[in-house]
């Protein structure tokens, strides 16, 4: 069992789905309001898209979760996403995903490429959606994203009831049209009902989005031999520049 998959102590798993801690004081609320007025928060304000989709744990693909990506486009070839478990104000930051174009992906080493997943199926199948934004508006973006690759690290396994981010991060994979990569219909149905959409209808409307000419087989590496990647934490000698006294 990988470090990232060890169940936390009972006090930090199960029960209430909120982090432990006292309610915010009036003083803290005033400080936060003041900071919002006085500080620029420039990186956060660059977030300009909300995407709802699904992800699977790379070391245990029986575990599937709905994800909410808040996307910042750095340039035409690179996006970064803060990933939450919900779109509500109580949403928990559960990880980060980086997205690169196929042009950049092909320049990565083969070993690095194995940590990434492709997005073509996720887009074409209607699983990747922009809630409340018309398809006609997002179609050019969808056409670009169908040719991209993502690397998603989950730092908070809320699906097993963790009340705090525990253990090592877990590498996540994208939905795929084969065996373990297919998202449970009930999970998709629940998401679709929430946003009053139909993934099946979106799939039909996206038929004309061009398929990538080639999807690098190093991506979605698990499809080759059924093996994923997991992180273990172990002690190691620190590089300090001087012997430890």
C-alpha atoms as a PDB file:
ATOM      1  CA  UNK A   1       0.000   0.000   0.000  1.00  0.00           C
ATOM      2  CA  UNK A   2       1.358   3.407  -0.944  1.00  0.00           C
ATOM      3  CA  UNK A   3       1.687   6.196   1.601  1.00  0.00           C
ATOM      4  CA  UNK A   4      -0.888   8.146  -0.369  1.00  0.00           C
ATOM      5  CA  UNK A   5      -3.476   5.419   0.220  1.00  0.00           C
ATOM      6  CA  UNK A   6      -3.181   4.873   3.958  1.00  0.00           C
ATOM      7  CA  UNK A   7      -6.376   5.650   5.856  1.00  0.00           C
ATOM      8  CA  UNK A   8      -5.960   8.509   8.392  1.00  0.00           C
ATOM      9  CA  UNK A   9      -6.582   8.154  12.106  1.00  0.00           C
ATOM     10  CA  UNK A  10     -10.304   7.857  12.999  1.00  0.00           C
ATOM     11  CA  UNK A  11     -10.413  11.442  14.303  1.00  0.00           C
ATOM     12  CA  UNK A  12      -9.442  12.730  10.854  1.00  0.00           C
ATOM     13  CA  UNK A  13     -11.553  10.467   8.654  1.00  0.00           C
ATOM     14  CA  UNK A  14     -15.278   9.920   8.333  1.00  0.00           C
ATOM     15  CA  UNK A  15     -18.010  11.743  10.208  1.00  0.00           C
ATOM     16  CA  UNK A  16     -18.426  15.443   9.480  1.00  0.00           C
ATOM     17  CA  UNK A  17     -17.076  16.477   6.102  1.00  0.00           C
ATOM     18  CA  UNK A  18     -15.488  19.665   7.441  1.00  0.00           C
ATOM     19  CA  UNK A  19     -11.946  20.367   8.664  1.00  0.00           C
ATOM     20  CA  UNK A  20     -11.458  20.440  12.449  1.00  0.00           C
ATOM     21  CA  UNK A  21     -11.119  23.882  14.005  1.00  0.00           C
ATOM     22  CA  UNK A  22     -12.897  26.726  15.760  1.00  0.00           C
ATOM     23  CA  UNK A  23     -15.334  29.052  13.931  1.00  0.00           C
ATOM     24  CA  UNK A  24     -13.745  32.242  12.604  1.00  0.00           C
ATOM     25  CA  UNK A  25     -13.689  35.096  15.076  1.00  0.00           C
ATOM     26  CA  UNK A  26     -15.077  38.555  14.304  1.00  0.00           C
ATOM     27  CA  UNK A  27     -11.524  39.915  14.368  1.00  0.00           C
ATOM     28  CA  UNK A  28     -10.416  37.375  11.770  1.00  0.00           C
ATOM     29  CA  UNK A  29     -13.367  38.205   9.525  1.00  0.00           C
ATOM     30  CA  UNK A  30     -12.537  41.918   9.720  1.00  0.00           C
ATOM     31  CA  UNK A  31      -8.895  41.202   8.892  1.00  0.00           C
ATOM     32  CA  UNK A  32      -9.899  39.132   5.862  1.00  0.00           C
ATOM     33  CA  UNK A  33     -12.258  41.859   4.598  1.00  0.00           C
ATOM     34  CA  UNK A  34      -9.557  44.467   5.029  1.00  0.00           C
ATOM     35  CA  UNK A  35      -7.004  42.357   3.204  1.00  0.00           C
ATOM     36  CA  UNK A  36      -9.402  41.920   0.280  1.00  0.00           C
ATOM     37  CA  UNK A  37      -9.638  45.680  -0.037  1.00  0.00           C
ATOM     38  CA  UNK A  38      -5.946  46.474   0.423  1.00  0.00           C
ATOM     39  CA  UNK A  39      -4.275  43.576  -1.395  1.00  0.00           C
ATOM     40  CA  UNK A  40      -4.326  42.900  -5.128  1.00  0.00           C
ATOM     41  CA  UNK A  41      -4.663  39.072  -5.084  1.00  0.00           C
ATOM     42  CA  UNK A  42      -3.461  39.214  -8.697  1.00  0.00           C
ATOM     43  CA  UNK A  43      -2.791  35.485  -9.273  1.00  0.00           C
ATOM     44  CA  UNK A  44      -6.267  34.520  -8.060  1.00  0.00           C
ATOM     45  CA  UNK A  45      -7.920  37.166 -10.209  1.00  0.00           C
ATOM     46  CA  UNK A  46      -6.377  35.584 -13.309  1.00  0.00           C
ATOM     47  CA  UNK A  47      -8.711  32.597 -12.920  1.00  0.00           C
ATOM     48  CA  UNK A  48     -11.244  32.990 -15.718  1.00  0.00           C
ATOM     49  CA  UNK A  49     -12.848  29.582 -16.311  1.00  0.00           C
ATOM     50  CA  UNK A  50     -14.741  27.005 -14.264  1.00  0.00           C
ATOM     51  CA  UNK A  51     -14.692  23.436 -15.581  1.00  0.00           C
ATOM     52  CA  UNK A  52     -16.543  20.472 -14.098  1.00  0.00           C
ATOM     53  CA  UNK A  53     -15.264  17.020 -15.009  1.00  0.00           C
ATOM     54  CA  UNK A  54     -14.176  13.724 -13.429  1.00  0.00           C
ATOM     55  CA  UNK A  55     -10.905  12.075 -12.378  1.00  0.00           C
ATOM     56  CA  UNK A  56      -9.698   8.657 -11.237  1.00  0.00           C
ATOM     57  CA  UNK A  57      -6.931   7.786  -8.793  1.00  0.00           C
ATOM     58  CA  UNK A  58      -3.945   6.510 -10.751  1.00  0.00           C
ATOM     59  CA  UNK A  59      -3.175   3.785  -8.187  1.00  0.00           C
ATOM     60  CA  UNK A  60      -6.820   2.790  -7.567  1.00  0.00           C
ATOM     61  CA  UNK A  61      -9.087   3.433 -10.522  1.00  0.00           C
ATOM     62  CA  UNK A  62     -12.122   2.087  -8.698  1.00  0.00           C
ATOM     63  CA  UNK A  63     -12.148   5.488  -6.980  1.00  0.00           C
ATOM     64  CA  UNK A  64     -13.706   8.175  -9.177  1.00  0.00           C
ATOM     65  CA  UNK A  65     -14.468  11.769  -8.198  1.00  0.00           C
ATOM     66  CA  UNK A  66     -16.211  14.824  -9.619  1.00  0.00           C
ATOM     67  CA  UNK A  67     -13.790  17.738  -9.858  1.00  0.00           C
ATOM     68  CA  UNK A  68     -14.083  21.483 -10.306  1.00  0.00           C
ATOM     69  CA  UNK A  69     -11.178  23.142 -12.072  1.00  0.00           C
ATOM     70  CA  UNK A  70     -10.666  26.893 -11.773  1.00  0.00           C
ATOM     71  CA  UNK A  71      -8.477  27.657 -14.742  1.00  0.00           C
ATOM     72  CA  UNK A  72      -5.837  30.292 -15.440  1.00  0.00           C
ATOM     73  CA  UNK A  73      -4.471  30.436 -18.968  1.00  0.00           C
ATOM     74  CA  UNK A  74      -0.788  31.368 -18.828  1.00  0.00           C
ATOM     75  CA  UNK A  75      -0.436  31.314 -22.621  1.00  0.00           C
ATOM     76  CA  UNK A  76      -1.856  29.434 -25.591  1.00  0.00           C
ATOM     77  CA  UNK A  77       0.109  26.298 -24.705  1.00  0.00           C
ATOM     78  CA  UNK A  78      -0.094  26.191 -20.912  1.00  0.00           C
ATOM     79  CA  UNK A  79      -2.891  26.341 -18.309  1.00  0.00           C
ATOM     80  CA  UNK A  80      -2.862  25.882 -14.550  1.00  0.00           C
ATOM     81  CA  UNK A  81      -5.888  24.815 -12.525  1.00  0.00           C
ATOM     82  CA  UNK A  82      -6.797  25.002  -8.855  1.00  0.00           C
ATOM     83  CA  UNK A  83      -8.992  21.935  -8.322  1.00  0.00           C
ATOM     84  CA  UNK A  84     -11.872  21.885  -5.819  1.00  0.00           C
ATOM     85  CA  UNK A  85     -14.364  19.213  -4.799  1.00  0.00           C
ATOM     86  CA  UNK A  86     -17.384  21.485  -5.397  1.00  0.00           C
ATOM     87  CA  UNK A  87     -18.336  24.870  -6.833  1.00  0.00           C
ATOM     88  CA  UNK A  88     -19.863  25.982  -3.510  1.00  0.00           C
ATOM     89  CA  UNK A  89     -18.269  28.608  -1.260  1.00  0.00           C
ATOM     90  CA  UNK A  90     -17.346  25.759   1.096  1.00  0.00           C
ATOM     91  CA  UNK A  91     -15.338  24.018  -1.634  1.00  0.00           C
ATOM     92  CA  UNK A  92     -12.114  22.350  -0.528  1.00  0.00           C
ATOM     93  CA  UNK A  93      -8.922  22.789  -2.528  1.00  0.00           C
ATOM     94  CA  UNK A  94      -8.066  19.168  -3.337  1.00  0.00           C
ATOM     95  CA  UNK A  95      -5.234  19.545  -5.818  1.00  0.00           C
ATOM     96  CA  UNK A  96      -3.701  21.163  -8.844  1.00  0.00           C
ATOM     97  CA  UNK A  97      -3.638  20.269 -12.526  1.00  0.00           C
ATOM     98  CA  UNK A  98      -1.262  21.552 -15.196  1.00  0.00           C
ATOM     99  CA  UNK A  99      -2.311  21.369 -18.838  1.00  0.00           C
ATOM    100  CA  UNK A 100       0.015  21.624 -21.837  1.00  0.00           C
ATOM    101  CA  UNK A 101      -0.451  21.533 -25.585  1.00  0.00           C
ATOM    102  CA  UNK A 102       0.628  18.508 -27.602  1.00  0.00           C
ATOM    103  CA  UNK A 103       3.525  20.590 -28.904  1.00  0.00           C
ATOM    104  CA  UNK A 104       4.961  21.013 -25.407  1.00  0.00           C
ATOM    105  CA  UNK A 105       4.103  17.464 -24.352  1.00  0.00           C
ATOM    106  CA  UNK A 106       6.170  15.978 -27.163  1.00  0.00           C
ATOM    107  CA  UNK A 107       9.241  17.785 -25.799  1.00  0.00           C
ATOM    108  CA  UNK A 108       8.977  16.095 -22.393  1.00  0.00           C
ATOM    109  CA  UNK A 109      11.062  13.045 -21.544  1.00  0.00           C
ATOM    110  CA  UNK A 110       9.354   9.640 -21.909  1.00  0.00           C
ATOM    111  CA  UNK A 111       9.479   9.102 -18.139  1.00  0.00           C
ATOM    112  CA  UNK A 112       7.824  12.457 -17.508  1.00  0.00           C
ATOM    113  CA  UNK A 113       5.174  11.807 -20.144  1.00  0.00           C
ATOM    114  CA  UNK A 114       4.008   8.732 -18.221  1.00  0.00           C
ATOM    115  CA  UNK A 115       2.713  10.997 -15.429  1.00  0.00           C
ATOM    116  CA  UNK A 116       0.328  12.797 -17.781  1.00  0.00           C
ATOM    117  CA  UNK A 117      -3.064  11.964 -19.270  1.00  0.00           C
ATOM    118  CA  UNK A 118      -4.761  12.863 -22.540  1.00  0.00           C
ATOM    119  CA  UNK A 119      -7.933  14.953 -22.778  1.00  0.00           C
ATOM    120  CA  UNK A 120      -9.405  13.989 -26.160  1.00  0.00           C
ATOM    121  CA  UNK A 121     -11.930  11.462 -24.843  1.00  0.00           C
ATOM    122  CA  UNK A 122     -12.844  13.634 -21.859  1.00  0.00           C
ATOM    123  CA  UNK A 123     -13.735  16.487 -24.241  1.00  0.00           C
ATOM    124  CA  UNK A 124     -15.414  14.485 -27.005  1.00  0.00           C
ATOM    125  CA  UNK A 125     -17.543  12.416 -24.592  1.00  0.00           C
ATOM    126  CA  UNK A 126     -19.165  15.456 -22.985  1.00  0.00           C
ATOM    127  CA  UNK A 127     -17.638  14.785 -19.554  1.00  0.00           C
ATOM    128  CA  UNK A 128     -15.652  18.054 -19.557  1.00  0.00           C
ATOM    129  CA  UNK A 129     -18.160  20.903 -19.238  1.00  0.00           C
ATOM    130  CA  UNK A 130     -18.256  24.637 -18.576  1.00  0.00           C
ATOM    131  CA  UNK A 131     -21.302  25.017 -16.304  1.00  0.00           C
ATOM    132  CA  UNK A 132     -23.877  27.524 -17.577  1.00  0.00           C
ATOM    133  CA  UNK A 133     -21.745  28.582 -20.570  1.00  0.00           C
ATOM    134  CA  UNK A 134     -23.266  27.859 -24.025  1.00  0.00           C
ATOM    135  CA  UNK A 135     -21.456  25.262 -26.125  1.00  0.00           C
ATOM    136  CA  UNK A 136     -21.168  27.706 -29.006  1.00  0.00           C
ATOM    137  CA  UNK A 137     -19.073  30.000 -26.815  1.00  0.00           C
ATOM    138  CA  UNK A 138     -16.645  27.334 -25.605  1.00  0.00           C
ATOM    139  CA  UNK A 139     -16.328  25.295 -28.809  1.00  0.00           C
ATOM    140  CA  UNK A 140     -13.013  26.917 -29.908  1.00  0.00           C
ATOM    141  CA  UNK A 141     -11.556  26.208 -26.458  1.00  0.00           C
ATOM    142  CA  UNK A 142     -12.795  22.613 -26.577  1.00  0.00           C
ATOM    143  CA  UNK A 143     -11.115  22.108 -29.950  1.00  0.00           C
ATOM    144  CA  UNK A 144      -7.814  23.279 -28.459  1.00  0.00           C
ATOM    145  CA  UNK A 145      -8.169  21.228 -25.279  1.00  0.00           C
ATOM    146  CA  UNK A 146      -8.846  18.005 -27.185  1.00  0.00           C
ATOM    147  CA  UNK A 147      -5.182  18.093 -28.199  1.00  0.00           C
ATOM    148  CA  UNK A 148      -3.800  18.723 -24.709  1.00  0.00           C
ATOM    149  CA  UNK A 149      -2.366  16.655 -21.870  1.00  0.00           C
ATOM    150  CA  UNK A 150      -2.741  17.154 -18.105  1.00  0.00           C
ATOM    151  CA  UNK A 151      -0.886  16.266 -14.918  1.00  0.00           C
ATOM    152  CA  UNK A 152      -3.147  16.299 -11.861  1.00  0.00           C
ATOM    153  CA  UNK A 153      -1.937  15.810  -8.294  1.00  0.00           C
ATOM    154  CA  UNK A 154      -4.624  15.282  -5.656  1.00  0.00           C
ATOM    155  CA  UNK A 155      -3.503  16.511  -2.221  1.00  0.00           C
ATOM    156  CA  UNK A 156      -6.755  15.975  -0.290  1.00  0.00           C
ATOM    157  CA  UNK A 157      -8.626  12.683  -0.618  1.00  0.00           C
ATOM    158  CA  UNK A 158     -12.045  13.955   0.413  1.00  0.00           C
ATOM    159  CA  UNK A 159     -13.812  10.992  -1.201  1.00  0.00           C
ATOM    160  CA  UNK A 160     -12.682   8.705   1.630  1.00  0.00           C
ATOM    161  CA  UNK A 161     -13.768  11.232   4.278  1.00  0.00           C
ATOM    162  CA  UNK A 162     -10.441  12.908   5.093  1.00  0.00           C
ATOM    163  CA  UNK A 163     -11.116  16.045   7.146  1.00  0.00           C
ATOM    164  CA  UNK A 164      -7.605  17.352   6.448  1.00  0.00           C
ATOM    165  CA  UNK A 165      -5.148  16.826   3.573  1.00  0.00           C
ATOM    166  CA  UNK A 166      -3.400  13.654   4.705  1.00  0.00           C
ATOM    167  CA  UNK A 167      -0.394  11.704   3.449  1.00  0.00           C
ATOM    168  CA  UNK A 168       1.337  11.975   0.110  1.00  0.00           C
ATOM    169  CA  UNK A 169      -0.291  13.441  -2.998  1.00  0.00           C
ATOM    170  CA  UNK A 170      -1.946  11.024  -5.411  1.00  0.00           C
ATOM    171  CA  UNK A 171      -1.514  11.135  -9.173  1.00  0.00           C
ATOM    172  CA  UNK A 172      -4.863  11.283 -10.957  1.00  0.00           C
ATOM    173  CA  UNK A 173      -5.883  10.002 -14.383  1.00  0.00           C
ATOM    174  CA  UNK A 174      -8.512  11.163 -16.861  1.00  0.00           C
ATOM    175  CA  UNK A 175     -11.581   9.209 -18.040  1.00  0.00           C
ATOM    176  CA  UNK A 176     -10.929   6.890 -20.985  1.00  0.00           C
ATOM    177  CA  UNK A 177     -13.218   4.699 -23.134  1.00  0.00           C
ATOM    178  CA  UNK A 178     -11.664   1.417 -21.950  1.00  0.00           C
ATOM    179  CA  UNK A 179     -12.182  -0.876 -18.924  1.00  0.00           C
ATOM    180  CA  UNK A 180     -11.326   0.995 -15.686  1.00  0.00           C
ATOM    181  CA  UNK A 181     -11.327   4.417 -17.330  1.00  0.00           C
ATOM    182  CA  UNK A 182     -15.102   4.574 -17.859  1.00  0.00           C
ATOM    183  CA  UNK A 183     -16.883   6.863 -15.398  1.00  0.00           C
ATOM    184  CA  UNK A 184     -19.774   5.321 -13.447  1.00  0.00           C
ATOM    185  CA  UNK A 185     -23.075   6.383 -15.072  1.00  0.00           C
ATOM    186  CA  UNK A 186     -24.609   7.329 -11.716  1.00  0.00           C
ATOM    187  CA  UNK A 187     -21.778   9.782 -11.066  1.00  0.00           C
ATOM    188  CA  UNK A 188     -22.310  11.440 -14.449  1.00  0.00           C
ATOM    189  CA  UNK A 189     -26.097  11.483 -13.944  1.00  0.00           C
ATOM    190  CA  UNK A 190     -25.745  13.248 -10.600  1.00  0.00           C
ATOM    191  CA  UNK A 191     -23.495  15.917 -12.136  1.00  0.00           C
ATOM    192  CA  UNK A 192     -25.768  16.398 -15.147  1.00  0.00           C
ATOM    193  CA  UNK A 193     -28.850  16.847 -12.975  1.00  0.00           C
ATOM    194  CA  UNK A 194     -27.048  19.464 -10.896  1.00  0.00           C
ATOM    195  CA  UNK A 195     -26.346  21.605 -13.959  1.00  0.00           C
ATOM    196  CA  UNK A 196     -29.412  20.601 -15.982  1.00  0.00           C
ATOM    197  CA  UNK A 197     -27.311  19.256 -18.856  1.00  0.00           C
ATOM    198  CA  UNK A 198     -26.978  15.996 -20.779  1.00  0.00           C
ATOM    199  CA  UNK A 199     -23.499  14.594 -21.305  1.00  0.00           C
ATOM    200  CA  UNK A 200     -24.937  12.348 -24.022  1.00  0.00           C
ATOM    201  CA  UNK A 201     -26.289  15.369 -25.929  1.00  0.00           C
ATOM    202  CA  UNK A 202     -22.997  17.187 -25.483  1.00  0.00           C
ATOM    203  CA  UNK A 203     -21.213  14.155 -26.909  1.00  0.00           C
ATOM    204  CA  UNK A 204     -23.408  14.325 -30.007  1.00  0.00           C
ATOM    205  CA  UNK A 205     -22.838  18.065 -30.408  1.00  0.00           C
ATOM    206  CA  UNK A 206     -19.058  17.555 -30.197  1.00  0.00           C
ATOM    207  CA  UNK A 207     -18.815  14.909 -32.922  1.00  0.00           C
ATOM    208  CA  UNK A 208     -17.269  17.419 -35.315  1.00  0.00           C
ATOM    209  CA  UNK A 209     -14.486  18.429 -32.927  1.00  0.00           C
ATOM    210  CA  UNK A 210     -11.380  17.052 -34.665  1.00  0.00           C
ATOM    211  CA  UNK A 211      -9.704  14.042 -33.099  1.00  0.00           C
ATOM    212  CA  UNK A 212      -5.978  14.498 -32.436  1.00  0.00           C
ATOM    213  CA  UNK A 213      -3.963  12.997 -35.277  1.00  0.00           C
ATOM    214  CA  UNK A 214      -1.954  11.074 -32.681  1.00  0.00           C
ATOM    215  CA  UNK A 215      -2.167  10.588 -28.911  1.00  0.00           C
ATOM    216  CA  UNK A 216       1.220   9.768 -27.451  1.00  0.00           C
ATOM    217  CA  UNK A 217       0.997   6.265 -25.884  1.00  0.00           C
ATOM    218  CA  UNK A 218       3.210   7.353 -22.978  1.00  0.00           C
ATOM    219  CA  UNK A 219       0.223   9.350 -21.729  1.00  0.00           C
ATOM    220  CA  UNK A 220      -2.498   7.316 -20.018  1.00  0.00           C
ATOM    221  CA  UNK A 221       0.333   4.901 -19.291  1.00  0.00           C
ATOM    222  CA  UNK A 222      -1.898   2.544 -17.294  1.00  0.00           C
ATOM    223  CA  UNK A 223      -3.617   1.432 -20.502  1.00  0.00           C
ATOM    224  CA  UNK A 224      -0.430  -0.312 -21.637  1.00  0.00           C
ATOM    225  CA  UNK A 225      -0.034  -2.791 -18.781  1.00  0.00           C
ATOM    226  CA  UNK A 226      -2.560  -1.912 -16.086  1.00  0.00           C
ATOM    227  CA  UNK A 227       0.047  -0.354 -13.793  1.00  0.00           C
ATOM    228  CA  UNK A 228      -0.251   3.097 -12.224  1.00  0.00           C
ATOM    229  CA  UNK A 229       1.984   5.290 -10.090  1.00  0.00           C
ATOM    230  CA  UNK A 230       1.876   5.961  -6.349  1.00  0.00           C
ATOM    231  CA  UNK A 231       4.039   8.005  -4.006  1.00  0.00           C
ATOM    232  CA  UNK A 232       5.673   6.571  -0.891  1.00  0.00           C
ATOM    233  CA  UNK A 233       7.174   8.801   1.809  1.00  0.00           C
ATOM    234  CA  UNK A 234      10.480   7.687   3.300  1.00  0.00           C
ATOM    235  CA  UNK A 235      13.247   9.352   5.325  1.00  0.00           C
ATOM    236  CA  UNK A 236      16.210  10.619   3.356  1.00  0.00           C
ATOM    237  CA  UNK A 237      19.443  12.456   4.002  1.00  0.00           C
ATOM    238  CA  UNK A 238      18.964  16.221   3.739  1.00  0.00           C
ATOM    239  CA  UNK A 239      21.247  18.335   1.577  1.00  0.00           C
ATOM    240  CA  UNK A 240      22.318  21.032   4.016  1.00  0.00           C
ATOM    241  CA  UNK A 241      25.759  21.977   2.792  1.00  0.00           C
ATOM    242  CA  UNK A 242      27.239  20.975   6.146  1.00  0.00           C
ATOM    243  CA  UNK A 243      27.278  17.849   8.357  1.00  0.00           C
ATOM    244  CA  UNK A 244      24.409  17.580  10.835  1.00  0.00           C
ATOM    245  CA  UNK A 245      25.858  18.415  14.307  1.00  0.00           C
END
